[in-house]
Amino acid sequence: MPRAEGNDFCELFGFAPDDLSETARKQWKSQQCPFVGGVCVKHSHPQRNGQTVVYGSCSVRNQTRERSEEVIVCPQRLYAGSYEALRRCVRDAIDFSEPIYLAGEYSALKREGKLPREYAVCLGHKSGREISLSNPGVIELSIDWAVAVVLREQLNSIIPCEVQSIDTTGNYHDTWEAYSRELPDIPNSRHGMNWANVWKRLIPQLILKGCVASTSTLCKRGLYFIVPDRVYVQFEKLVGEVAACSKPGPGVLTVMTYGLGPAVPPGQVRELAHLRTMRMSLANFAVAFSSGRQLPLGTQLDAKVAAILAAL
């Protein structure tokens, strides 16, 4: 089966879009997420008949002038391997070798009276619930994940984790339809990347949640951030270089970036590859973002206004 020559999908329902194996096509038909279960969250706006299309788009390929790049566009793709990326944060934060449970596992062991003296519980996506916080009438936010670490049967610390991918713009329906129908010609996808969301929403959210964590007595290892590597490259373009910290601690941001592993034979899912770990002071990160060092110069504003006035 052919592939699109330009912008394209990397994965649909966890498999290569041209994977015609029984395993891959069965996953397509189920419309289930292969990483966390449940119906895939990537779907279209209502069509003319009122129905929506479940796309199953985990990651996409962008064809630039310089190269072809792969970008994970669904946060659930970052939960591959039974939330291994989240477990990696726990082990990094406290050199932890004890069990790390999801909420369902914890509840069952608690009911049976079989909990060990030391363990961690991940509270968040499909595991208990996200932790919602608010200052009524001012702000409401939620922590994607709060990992509760219990030592000697007492809550010892909390490891807050933020998980982000990136949204697409434009439309990839025609490309998806061609793969779905196994057509002989696959048109290029018309999607783009919503990079503006990085400075509009993603970085401000990260700073706000980091501020909350820094005032907690139990968030002893700072805030962890799980993100596709290509998305964090966009963070670095906006923030610039920030001095590194040697270890996690109060007020420290630890970033763990991920990408797709090597290509695999039909019927198999590519691994989620851990690429980089970086640490920095949240305060320094916030100052670097707000400093304006990466922003357009005010002289551009002056020139634009003058040019518009001259053209009117």
C-alpha atoms as a PDB file:
ATOM      1  CA  MET A   1       0.000   0.000   0.000  1.00  0.00           C
ATOM      2  CA  PRO A   2       1.428   3.445  -0.897  1.00  0.00           C
ATOM      3  CA  ARG A   3       2.113   6.302   1.505  1.00  0.00           C
ATOM      4  CA  ALA A   4       1.556  10.039   1.135  1.00  0.00           C
ATOM      5  CA  GLU A   5       4.694  11.772  -0.147  1.00  0.00           C
ATOM      6  CA  GLY A   6       4.368  14.935   1.966  1.00  0.00           C
ATOM      7  CA  ASN A   7       2.546  15.450   5.249  1.00  0.00           C
ATOM      8  CA  ASP A   8       1.213  12.131   6.429  1.00  0.00           C
ATOM      9  CA  PHE A   9       0.202  10.050   9.434  1.00  0.00           C
ATOM     10  CA  CYS A  10       2.814   8.076  11.343  1.00  0.00           C
ATOM     11  CA  GLU A  11       0.293   6.047  13.323  1.00  0.00           C
ATOM     12  CA  LEU A  12      -3.438   5.399  13.269  1.00  0.00           C
ATOM     13  CA  PHE A  13      -4.796   3.468  16.264  1.00  0.00           C
ATOM     14  CA  GLY A  14      -1.194   2.684  17.153  1.00  0.00           C
ATOM     15  CA  PHE A  15      -0.178   1.157  13.817  1.00  0.00           C
ATOM     16  CA  ALA A  16       1.379   2.489  10.615  1.00  0.00           C
ATOM     17  CA  PRO A  17      -1.416   3.799   8.357  1.00  0.00           C
ATOM     18  CA  ASP A  18      -0.476   1.364   5.570  1.00  0.00           C
ATOM     19  CA  ASP A  19      -0.358  -1.635   7.925  1.00  0.00           C
ATOM     20  CA  LEU A  20      -2.887  -4.087   6.451  1.00  0.00           C
ATOM     21  CA  SER A  21      -2.252  -6.861   8.965  1.00  0.00           C
ATOM     22  CA  GLU A  22      -5.233  -8.437  10.684  1.00  0.00           C
ATOM     23  CA  THR A  23      -4.062  -7.070  14.031  1.00  0.00           C
ATOM     24  CA  ALA A  24      -3.883  -3.478  12.772  1.00  0.00           C
ATOM     25  CA  ARG A  25      -7.202  -3.573  10.911  1.00  0.00           C
ATOM     26  CA  LYS A  26      -8.943  -5.136  13.891  1.00  0.00           C
ATOM     27  CA  GLN A  27      -7.707  -2.217  16.008  1.00  0.00           C
ATOM     28  CA  TRP A  28      -9.051   0.237  13.408  1.00  0.00           C
ATOM     29  CA  LYS A  29     -12.474  -1.392  13.489  1.00  0.00           C
ATOM     30  CA  SER A  30     -12.601  -1.354  17.290  1.00  0.00           C
ATOM     31  CA  GLN A  31     -11.928   2.421  17.380  1.00  0.00           C
ATOM     32  CA  GLN A  32     -10.226   1.747  20.721  1.00  0.00           C
ATOM     33  CA  CYS A  33      -7.032   3.380  21.957  1.00  0.00           C
ATOM     34  CA  PRO A  34      -4.355   0.649  22.086  1.00  0.00           C
ATOM     35  CA  PHE A  35      -2.498   2.423  24.898  1.00  0.00           C
ATOM     36  CA  VAL A  36      -5.117   3.208  27.560  1.00  0.00           C
ATOM     37  CA  GLY A  37      -8.282   1.559  26.220  1.00  0.00           C
ATOM     38  CA  GLY A  38     -11.638   3.208  25.590  1.00  0.00           C
ATOM     39  CA  VAL A  39     -12.745   4.911  22.381  1.00  0.00           C
ATOM     40  CA  CYS A  40     -10.014   7.028  20.802  1.00  0.00           C
ATOM     41  CA  VAL A  41     -10.287  10.708  21.743  1.00  0.00           C
ATOM     42  CA  LYS A  42      -9.099  11.940  18.337  1.00  0.00           C
ATOM     43  CA  HIS A  43     -12.230  12.529  16.277  1.00  0.00           C
ATOM     44  CA  SER A  44     -13.654  14.946  13.738  1.00  0.00           C
ATOM     45  CA  HIS A  45     -16.153  17.721  14.153  1.00  0.00           C
ATOM     46  CA  PRO A  46     -19.727  16.585  13.348  1.00  0.00           C
ATOM     47  CA  GLN A  47     -20.129  15.845   9.637  1.00  0.00           C
ATOM     48  CA  ARG A  48     -23.100  16.892   7.511  1.00  0.00           C
ATOM     49  CA  ASN A  49     -25.027  13.862   8.714  1.00  0.00           C
ATOM     50  CA  GLY A  50     -24.296  14.778  12.322  1.00  0.00           C
ATOM     51  CA  GLN A  51     -21.884  11.888  12.844  1.00  0.00           C
ATOM     52  CA  THR A  52     -18.245  12.146  13.835  1.00  0.00           C
ATOM     53  CA  VAL A  53     -15.280  10.215  12.475  1.00  0.00           C
ATOM     54  CA  VAL A  54     -12.939   8.580  15.010  1.00  0.00           C
ATOM     55  CA  TYR A  55      -9.541   9.136  13.415  1.00  0.00           C
ATOM     56  CA  GLY A  56      -7.214   7.282  15.759  1.00  0.00           C
ATOM     57  CA  SER A  57      -4.392   9.716  14.966  1.00  0.00           C
ATOM     58  CA  CYS A  58      -1.528   9.097  17.412  1.00  0.00           C
ATOM     59  CA  SER A  59       1.282  10.811  15.526  1.00  0.00           C
ATOM     60  CA  VAL A  60       1.887  12.597  12.237  1.00  0.00           C
ATOM     61  CA  ARG A  61       4.708  13.220   9.797  1.00  0.00           C
ATOM     62  CA  ASN A  62       5.542  16.757   8.755  1.00  0.00           C
ATOM     63  CA  GLN A  63       7.525  17.361   5.588  1.00  0.00           C
ATOM     64  CA  THR A  64       9.622  20.521   5.949  1.00  0.00           C
ATOM     65  CA  ARG A  65      12.134  22.045   3.539  1.00  0.00           C
ATOM     66  CA  GLU A  66      15.007  20.595   5.527  1.00  0.00           C
ATOM     67  CA  ARG A  67      13.706  17.224   6.659  1.00  0.00           C
ATOM     68  CA  SER A  68      10.826  14.947   7.554  1.00  0.00           C
ATOM     69  CA  GLU A  69       9.843  15.010  11.227  1.00  0.00           C
ATOM     70  CA  GLU A  70       7.556  12.848  13.343  1.00  0.00           C
ATOM     71  CA  VAL A  71       5.381  14.438  16.021  1.00  0.00           C
ATOM     72  CA  ILE A  72       3.222  12.726  18.650  1.00  0.00           C
ATOM     73  CA  VAL A  73      -0.110  14.569  18.617  1.00  0.00           C
ATOM     74  CA  CYS A  74      -2.113  12.581  21.176  1.00  0.00           C
ATOM     75  CA  PRO A  75      -1.167  12.678  24.883  1.00  0.00           C
ATOM     76  CA  GLN A  76      -2.485   9.130  25.317  1.00  0.00           C
ATOM     77  CA  ARG A  77       0.334   7.916  23.056  1.00  0.00           C
ATOM     78  CA  LEU A  78       2.682   9.002  25.865  1.00  0.00           C
ATOM     79  CA  TYR A  79       1.035   6.437  28.186  1.00  0.00           C
ATOM     80  CA  ALA A  80       2.351   3.415  26.251  1.00  0.00           C
ATOM     81  CA  GLY A  81       3.630   0.470  28.244  1.00  0.00           C
ATOM     82  CA  SER A  82       1.100   0.823  31.060  1.00  0.00           C
ATOM     83  CA  TYR A  83       2.096   4.445  31.778  1.00  0.00           C
ATOM     84  CA  GLU A  84       5.825   3.669  31.739  1.00  0.00           C
ATOM     85  CA  ALA A  85       6.707   7.354  31.194  1.00  0.00           C
ATOM     86  CA  LEU A  86       4.914   8.200  34.429  1.00  0.00           C
ATOM     87  CA  ARG A  87       6.637   5.380  36.310  1.00  0.00           C
ATOM     88  CA  ARG A  88       9.987   6.649  35.012  1.00  0.00           C
ATOM     89  CA  CYS A  89       9.267  10.023  36.664  1.00  0.00           C
ATOM     90  CA  VAL A  90       8.691   8.323  40.022  1.00  0.00           C
ATOM     91  CA  ARG A  91      11.890   6.292  39.809  1.00  0.00           C
ATOM     92  CA  ASP A  92      13.837   9.399  38.779  1.00  0.00           C
ATOM     93  CA  ALA A  93      12.405  11.533  41.584  1.00  0.00           C
ATOM     94  CA  ILE A  94      13.083   9.230  44.516  1.00  0.00           C
ATOM     95  CA  ASP A  95      15.176   6.290  43.256  1.00  0.00           C
ATOM     96  CA  PHE A  96      12.120   4.137  43.901  1.00  0.00           C
ATOM     97  CA  SER A  97      12.126   0.341  43.618  1.00  0.00           C
ATOM     98  CA  GLU A  98       8.825  -0.285  45.397  1.00  0.00           C
ATOM     99  CA  PRO A  99       5.523  -1.050  43.583  1.00  0.00           C
ATOM    100  CA  ILE A 100       3.908   1.755  41.582  1.00  0.00           C
ATOM    101  CA  TYR A 101       0.153   1.196  41.362  1.00  0.00           C
ATOM    102  CA  LEU A 102      -2.668   2.616  39.312  1.00  0.00           C
ATOM    103  CA  ALA A 103      -5.758   3.553  41.333  1.00  0.00           C
ATOM    104  CA  GLY A 104      -7.644   0.336  40.537  1.00  0.00           C
ATOM    105  CA  GLU A 105      -4.747  -1.843  41.652  1.00  0.00           C
ATOM    106  CA  TYR A 106      -4.371   0.191  44.836  1.00  0.00           C
ATOM    107  CA  SER A 107      -8.094  -0.039  45.676  1.00  0.00           C
ATOM    108  CA  ALA A 108      -8.150  -3.816  45.211  1.00  0.00           C
ATOM    109  CA  LEU A 109      -5.111  -4.368  47.421  1.00  0.00           C
ATOM    110  CA  LYS A 110      -6.479  -1.970  50.031  1.00  0.00           C
ATOM    111  CA  ARG A 111      -9.780  -3.869  50.213  1.00  0.00           C
ATOM    112  CA  GLU A 112      -7.903  -7.161  50.554  1.00  0.00           C
ATOM    113  CA  GLY A 113      -5.564  -5.775  53.201  1.00  0.00           C
ATOM    114  CA  LYS A 114      -2.529  -6.634  51.066  1.00  0.00           C
ATOM    115  CA  LEU A 115      -0.868  -3.261  50.630  1.00  0.00           C
ATOM    116  CA  PRO A 116       2.865  -3.233  51.399  1.00  0.00           C
ATOM    117  CA  ARG A 117       4.343  -0.666  53.763  1.00  0.00           C
ATOM    118  CA  GLU A 118       5.899   1.324  50.914  1.00  0.00           C
ATOM    119  CA  TYR A 119       4.451   2.018  47.457  1.00  0.00           C
ATOM    120  CA  ALA A 120       3.293   4.780  45.101  1.00  0.00           C
ATOM    121  CA  VAL A 121      -0.169   5.439  43.633  1.00  0.00           C
ATOM    122  CA  CYS A 122      -0.688   7.291  40.341  1.00  0.00           C
ATOM    123  CA  LEU A 123      -3.777   9.504  40.423  1.00  0.00           C
ATOM    124  CA  GLY A 124      -4.878  10.946  37.106  1.00  0.00           C
ATOM    125  CA  HIS A 125      -6.027   9.862  33.645  1.00  0.00           C
ATOM    126  CA  LYS A 126      -8.246   6.766  34.003  1.00  0.00           C
ATOM    127  CA  SER A 127      -6.653   6.134  37.389  1.00  0.00           C
ATOM    128  CA  GLY A 128      -8.769   7.630  40.130  1.00  0.00           C
ATOM    129  CA  ARG A 129      -9.178  11.208  38.953  1.00  0.00           C
ATOM    130  CA  GLU A 130      -7.245  14.342  38.122  1.00  0.00           C
ATOM    131  CA  ILE A 131      -6.636  16.669  41.065  1.00  0.00           C
ATOM    132  CA  SER A 132      -8.765  19.788  40.551  1.00  0.00           C
ATOM    133  CA  LEU A 133      -7.695  22.956  42.363  1.00  0.00           C
ATOM    134  CA  SER A 134      -9.268  26.401  42.501  1.00  0.00           C
ATOM    135  CA  ASN A 135      -9.270  29.831  44.015  1.00  0.00           C
ATOM    136  CA  PRO A 136     -13.034  30.487  43.654  1.00  0.00           C
ATOM    137  CA  GLY A 137     -13.814  33.365  41.360  1.00  0.00           C
ATOM    138  CA  VAL A 138     -10.168  33.703  40.321  1.00  0.00           C
ATOM    139  CA  ILE A 139      -8.748  30.530  38.745  1.00  0.00           C
ATOM    140  CA  GLU A 140      -9.398  26.830  38.310  1.00  0.00           C
ATOM    141  CA  LEU A 141      -6.840  24.293  37.172  1.00  0.00           C
ATOM    142  CA  SER A 142      -6.080  20.602  37.461  1.00  0.00           C
ATOM    143  CA  ILE A 143      -2.893  18.611  37.881  1.00  0.00           C
ATOM    144  CA  ASP A 144      -2.694  15.912  35.182  1.00  0.00           C
ATOM    145  CA  TRP A 145      -1.092  13.426  37.558  1.00  0.00           C
ATOM    146  CA  ALA A 146      -0.331  13.407  41.252  1.00  0.00           C
ATOM    147  CA  VAL A 147       1.733  10.412  42.330  1.00  0.00           C
ATOM    148  CA  ALA A 148       1.293   9.734  46.046  1.00  0.00           C
ATOM    149  CA  VAL A 149       4.392   8.141  47.602  1.00  0.00           C
ATOM    150  CA  VAL A 150       3.729   6.166  50.785  1.00  0.00           C
ATOM    151  CA  LEU A 151       6.664   5.229  53.016  1.00  0.00           C
ATOM    152  CA  ARG A 152       6.212   3.234  56.201  1.00  0.00           C
ATOM    153  CA  GLU A 153       2.440   3.400  55.651  1.00  0.00           C
ATOM    154  CA  GLN A 154       2.420   7.212  55.711  1.00  0.00           C
ATOM    155  CA  LEU A 155       1.947   9.678  52.817  1.00  0.00           C
ATOM    156  CA  ASN A 156       5.498  10.946  52.431  1.00  0.00           C
ATOM    157  CA  SER A 157       5.521  12.981  49.248  1.00  0.00           C
ATOM    158  CA  ILE A 158       3.641  13.896  46.063  1.00  0.00           C
ATOM    159  CA  ILE A 159       5.143  13.941  42.583  1.00  0.00           C
ATOM    160  CA  PRO A 160       3.008  16.154  40.284  1.00  0.00           C
ATOM    161  CA  CYS A 161       3.344  15.392  36.568  1.00  0.00           C
ATOM    162  CA  GLU A 162       2.107  17.398  33.598  1.00  0.00           C
ATOM    163  CA  VAL A 163       1.607  15.614  30.249  1.00  0.00           C
ATOM    164  CA  GLN A 164       1.260  17.524  26.964  1.00  0.00           C
ATOM    165  CA  SER A 165       1.388  16.781  23.247  1.00  0.00           C
ATOM    166  CA  ILE A 166       0.356  19.271  20.520  1.00  0.00           C
ATOM    167  CA  ASP A 167      -2.806  19.954  18.531  1.00  0.00           C
ATOM    168  CA  THR A 168      -2.988  19.928  14.756  1.00  0.00           C
ATOM    169  CA  THR A 169      -4.580  22.561  12.557  1.00  0.00           C
ATOM    170  CA  GLY A 170      -6.109  22.144   9.103  1.00  0.00           C
ATOM    171  CA  ASN A 171      -7.617  18.877   7.964  1.00  0.00           C
ATOM    172  CA  TYR A 172      -6.358  15.355   7.319  1.00  0.00           C
ATOM    173  CA  HIS A 173      -9.705  13.725   6.530  1.00  0.00           C
ATOM    174  CA  ASP A 174      -8.973  12.957   2.859  1.00  0.00           C
ATOM    175  CA  THR A 175      -5.704  11.240   3.779  1.00  0.00           C
ATOM    176  CA  TRP A 176      -7.393   9.262   6.533  1.00  0.00           C
ATOM    177  CA  GLU A 177     -10.232   8.261   4.181  1.00  0.00           C
ATOM    178  CA  ALA A 178      -7.762   6.997   1.572  1.00  0.00           C
ATOM    179  CA  TYR A 179      -5.998   4.803   4.112  1.00  0.00           C
ATOM    180  CA  SER A 180      -9.291   3.641   5.567  1.00  0.00           C
ATOM    181  CA  ARG A 181     -10.575   2.539   2.166  1.00  0.00           C
ATOM    182  CA  GLU A 182      -7.164   1.163   1.110  1.00  0.00           C
ATOM    183  CA  LEU A 183      -7.110   3.333  -2.018  1.00  0.00           C
ATOM    184  CA  PRO A 184      -4.215   3.093  -4.514  1.00  0.00           C
ATOM    185  CA  ASP A 185      -3.374   6.818  -4.203  1.00  0.00           C
ATOM    186  CA  ILE A 186      -2.872   8.562  -0.853  1.00  0.00           C
ATOM    187  CA  PRO A 187      -3.143  12.375  -0.954  1.00  0.00           C
ATOM    188  CA  ASN A 188      -0.913  14.509   1.228  1.00  0.00           C
ATOM    189  CA  SER A 189      -2.458  15.528   4.520  1.00  0.00           C
ATOM    190  CA  ARG A 190      -3.433  19.190   4.861  1.00  0.00           C
ATOM    191  CA  HIS A 191      -2.690  19.335   8.566  1.00  0.00           C
ATOM    192  CA  GLY A 192      -0.427  21.847  10.281  1.00  0.00           C
ATOM    193  CA  MET A 193       0.843  22.175  13.839  1.00  0.00           C
ATOM    194  CA  ASN A 194      -0.705  24.557  16.348  1.00  0.00           C
ATOM    195  CA  TRP A 195       2.654  25.861  17.586  1.00  0.00           C
ATOM    196  CA  ALA A 196       0.980  29.057  18.805  1.00  0.00           C
ATOM    197  CA  ASN A 197      -0.548  26.980  21.598  1.00  0.00           C
ATOM    198  CA  VAL A 198       2.927  26.510  23.074  1.00  0.00           C
ATOM    199  CA  TRP A 199       3.202  30.141  24.151  1.00  0.00           C
ATOM    200  CA  LYS A 200      -0.540  30.799  24.461  1.00  0.00           C
ATOM    201  CA  ARG A 201      -1.477  27.831  26.638  1.00  0.00           C
ATOM    202  CA  LEU A 202       1.151  25.143  27.287  1.00  0.00           C
ATOM    203  CA  ILE A 203       3.959  27.217  28.814  1.00  0.00           C
ATOM    204  CA  PRO A 204       1.612  29.368  30.959  1.00  0.00           C
ATOM    205  CA  GLN A 205      -0.090  26.205  32.282  1.00  0.00           C
ATOM    206  CA  LEU A 206       3.256  24.672  33.142  1.00  0.00           C
ATOM    207  CA  ILE A 207       4.357  27.796  35.033  1.00  0.00           C
ATOM    208  CA  LEU A 208       1.067  28.066  36.949  1.00  0.00           C
ATOM    209  CA  LYS A 209       1.094  24.417  37.998  1.00  0.00           C
ATOM    210  CA  GLY A 210       4.736  24.709  38.940  1.00  0.00           C
ATOM    211  CA  CYS A 211       3.868  27.653  41.182  1.00  0.00           C
ATOM    212  CA  VAL A 212       1.253  25.525  42.950  1.00  0.00           C
ATOM    213  CA  ALA A 213       3.722  22.669  43.431  1.00  0.00           C
ATOM    214  CA  SER A 214       6.359  25.042  44.826  1.00  0.00           C
ATOM    215  CA  THR A 215       4.050  26.025  47.722  1.00  0.00           C
ATOM    216  CA  SER A 216       3.271  22.403  48.665  1.00  0.00           C
ATOM    217  CA  THR A 217       5.010  20.828  51.647  1.00  0.00           C
ATOM    218  CA  LEU A 218       4.758  17.378  50.019  1.00  0.00           C
ATOM    219  CA  CYS A 219       6.006  18.204  46.488  1.00  0.00           C
ATOM    220  CA  LYS A 220       9.608  17.676  47.559  1.00  0.00           C
ATOM    221  CA  ARG A 221      10.919  16.863  44.075  1.00  0.00           C
ATOM    222  CA  GLY A 222       9.327  19.680  42.098  1.00  0.00           C
ATOM    223  CA  LEU A 223       7.197  19.269  38.968  1.00  0.00           C
ATOM    224  CA  TYR A 224       7.705  16.694  36.198  1.00  0.00           C
ATOM    225  CA  PHE A 225       6.800  17.347  32.569  1.00  0.00           C
ATOM    226  CA  ILE A 226       6.278  14.561  29.985  1.00  0.00           C
ATOM    227  CA  VAL A 227       6.230  15.872  26.402  1.00  0.00           C
ATOM    228  CA  PRO A 228       7.125  14.845  22.824  1.00  0.00           C
ATOM    229  CA  ASP A 229      10.691  15.911  22.055  1.00  0.00           C
ATOM    230  CA  ARG A 230       9.703  17.893  18.954  1.00  0.00           C
ATOM    231  CA  VAL A 231       7.176  19.863  20.999  1.00  0.00           C
ATOM    232  CA  TYR A 232       9.769  20.691  23.639  1.00  0.00           C
ATOM    233  CA  VAL A 233      12.085  21.945  20.884  1.00  0.00           C
ATOM    234  CA  GLN A 234       9.433  24.619  20.335  1.00  0.00           C
ATOM    235  CA  PHE A 235       9.544  25.426  24.066  1.00  0.00           C
ATOM    236  CA  GLU A 236      13.311  25.870  23.778  1.00  0.00           C
ATOM    237  CA  LYS A 237      12.926  28.251  20.853  1.00  0.00           C
ATOM    238  CA  LEU A 238      10.638  30.467  22.936  1.00  0.00           C
ATOM    239  CA  VAL A 239      12.369  30.239  26.291  1.00  0.00           C
ATOM    240  CA  GLY A 240      15.992  30.030  25.203  1.00  0.00           C
ATOM    241  CA  GLU A 241      18.717  28.488  27.331  1.00  0.00           C
ATOM    242  CA  VAL A 242      17.953  28.031  31.037  1.00  0.00           C
ATOM    243  CA  ALA A 243      20.608  27.087  33.600  1.00  0.00           C
ATOM    244  CA  ALA A 244      20.436  23.402  34.497  1.00  0.00           C
ATOM    245  CA  CYS A 245      19.801  21.904  37.946  1.00  0.00           C
ATOM    246  CA  SER A 246      21.645  18.780  39.025  1.00  0.00           C
ATOM    247  CA  LYS A 247      18.796  16.993  40.796  1.00  0.00           C
ATOM    248  CA  PRO A 248      15.032  17.195  41.448  1.00  0.00           C
ATOM    249  CA  GLY A 249      13.873  19.276  44.399  1.00  0.00           C
ATOM    250  CA  PRO A 250      11.423  21.959  45.509  1.00  0.00           C
ATOM    251  CA  GLY A 251      10.866  24.497  42.738  1.00  0.00           C
ATOM    252  CA  VAL A 252      12.620  22.355  40.112  1.00  0.00           C
ATOM    253  CA  LEU A 253      11.104  21.464  36.736  1.00  0.00           C
ATOM    254  CA  THR A 254      12.197  18.089  35.321  1.00  0.00           C
ATOM    255  CA  VAL A 255      11.401  17.627  31.630  1.00  0.00           C
ATOM    256  CA  MET A 256      11.319  14.165  30.061  1.00  0.00           C
ATOM    257  CA  THR A 257      10.936  14.087  26.287  1.00  0.00           C
ATOM    258  CA  TYR A 258       9.806  11.208  24.093  1.00  0.00           C
ATOM    259  CA  GLY A 259       9.646  10.177  20.463  1.00  0.00           C
ATOM    260  CA  LEU A 260       8.746   7.138  18.400  1.00  0.00           C
ATOM    261  CA  GLY A 261      11.104   4.197  18.336  1.00  0.00           C
ATOM    262  CA  PRO A 262      12.372   2.487  15.152  1.00  0.00           C
ATOM    263  CA  ALA A 263      10.000   1.210  12.483  1.00  0.00           C
ATOM    264  CA  VAL A 264       8.556  -2.254  13.113  1.00  0.00           C
ATOM    265  CA  PRO A 265       7.077  -5.036  10.937  1.00  0.00           C
ATOM    266  CA  PRO A 266       3.328  -5.030  10.159  1.00  0.00           C
ATOM    267  CA  GLY A 267       1.139  -5.967  13.099  1.00  0.00           C
ATOM    268  CA  GLN A 268       3.478  -4.383  15.654  1.00  0.00           C
ATOM    269  CA  VAL A 269       3.440  -1.038  17.491  1.00  0.00           C
ATOM    270  CA  ARG A 270       6.514   1.159  17.646  1.00  0.00           C
ATOM    271  CA  GLU A 271       8.095   1.682  21.054  1.00  0.00           C
ATOM    272  CA  LEU A 272       7.854   4.976  22.889  1.00  0.00           C
ATOM    273  CA  ALA A 273      11.468   6.102  23.167  1.00  0.00           C
ATOM    274  CA  HIS A 274      12.729   8.218  26.068  1.00  0.00           C
ATOM    275  CA  LEU A 275      15.030  10.790  24.455  1.00  0.00           C
ATOM    276  CA  ARG A 276      16.063  13.498  26.955  1.00  0.00           C
ATOM    277  CA  THR A 277      15.871  14.444  30.635  1.00  0.00           C
ATOM    278  CA  MET A 278      16.477  18.094  31.626  1.00  0.00           C
ATOM    279  CA  ARG A 279      16.143  19.956  34.931  1.00  0.00           C
ATOM    280  CA  MET A 280      15.895  23.650  35.666  1.00  0.00           C
ATOM    281  CA  SER A 281      14.552  26.065  38.220  1.00  0.00           C
ATOM    282  CA  LEU A 282      10.882  26.814  37.566  1.00  0.00           C
ATOM    283  CA  ALA A 283      11.554  30.427  38.538  1.00  0.00           C
ATOM    284  CA  ASN A 284      14.339  30.690  35.947  1.00  0.00           C
ATOM    285  CA  PHE A 285      12.122  29.013  33.340  1.00  0.00           C
ATOM    286  CA  ALA A 286       9.320  31.540  34.009  1.00  0.00           C
ATOM    287  CA  VAL A 287      11.717  34.504  33.895  1.00  0.00           C
ATOM    288  CA  ALA A 288      13.223  33.290  30.612  1.00  0.00           C
ATOM    289  CA  PHE A 289       9.759  32.993  29.070  1.00  0.00           C
ATOM    290  CA  SER A 290       8.590  36.414  30.271  1.00  0.00           C
ATOM    291  CA  SER A 291      11.828  38.247  29.483  1.00  0.00           C
ATOM    292  CA  GLY A 292      10.837  38.764  25.856  1.00  0.00           C
ATOM    293  CA  ARG A 293      14.257  37.739  24.574  1.00  0.00           C
ATOM    294  CA  GLN A 294      12.699  35.550  21.896  1.00  0.00           C
ATOM    295  CA  LEU A 295       9.879  37.954  20.985  1.00  0.00           C
ATOM    296  CA  PRO A 296       9.715  40.180  17.888  1.00  0.00           C
ATOM    297  CA  LEU A 297      11.209  43.622  18.479  1.00  0.00           C
ATOM    298  CA  GLY A 298       8.956  46.563  19.257  1.00  0.00           C
ATOM    299  CA  THR A 299      10.473  48.338  16.253  1.00  0.00           C
ATOM    300  CA  GLN A 300       8.602  45.828  14.087  1.00  0.00           C
ATOM    301  CA  LEU A 301       5.367  47.040  15.647  1.00  0.00           C
ATOM    302  CA  ASP A 302       6.344  50.655  14.932  1.00  0.00           C
ATOM    303  CA  ALA A 303       7.160  49.885  11.313  1.00  0.00           C
ATOM    304  CA  LYS A 304       3.984  47.841  10.743  1.00  0.00           C
ATOM    305  CA  VAL A 305       1.698  50.597  12.065  1.00  0.00           C
ATOM    306  CA  ALA A 306       3.508  53.243   9.996  1.00  0.00           C
ATOM    307  CA  ALA A 307       3.241  51.098   6.856  1.00  0.00           C
ATOM    308  CA  ILE A 308      -0.485  50.490   7.330  1.00  0.00           C
ATOM    309  CA  LEU A 309      -1.146  54.186   7.855  1.00  0.00           C
ATOM    310  CA  ALA A 310       0.814  55.014   4.703  1.00  0.00           C
ATOM    311  CA  ALA A 311      -1.170  52.478   2.679  1.00  0.00           C
ATOM    312  CA  LEU A 312      -4.630  53.658   3.777  1.00  0.00           C
END
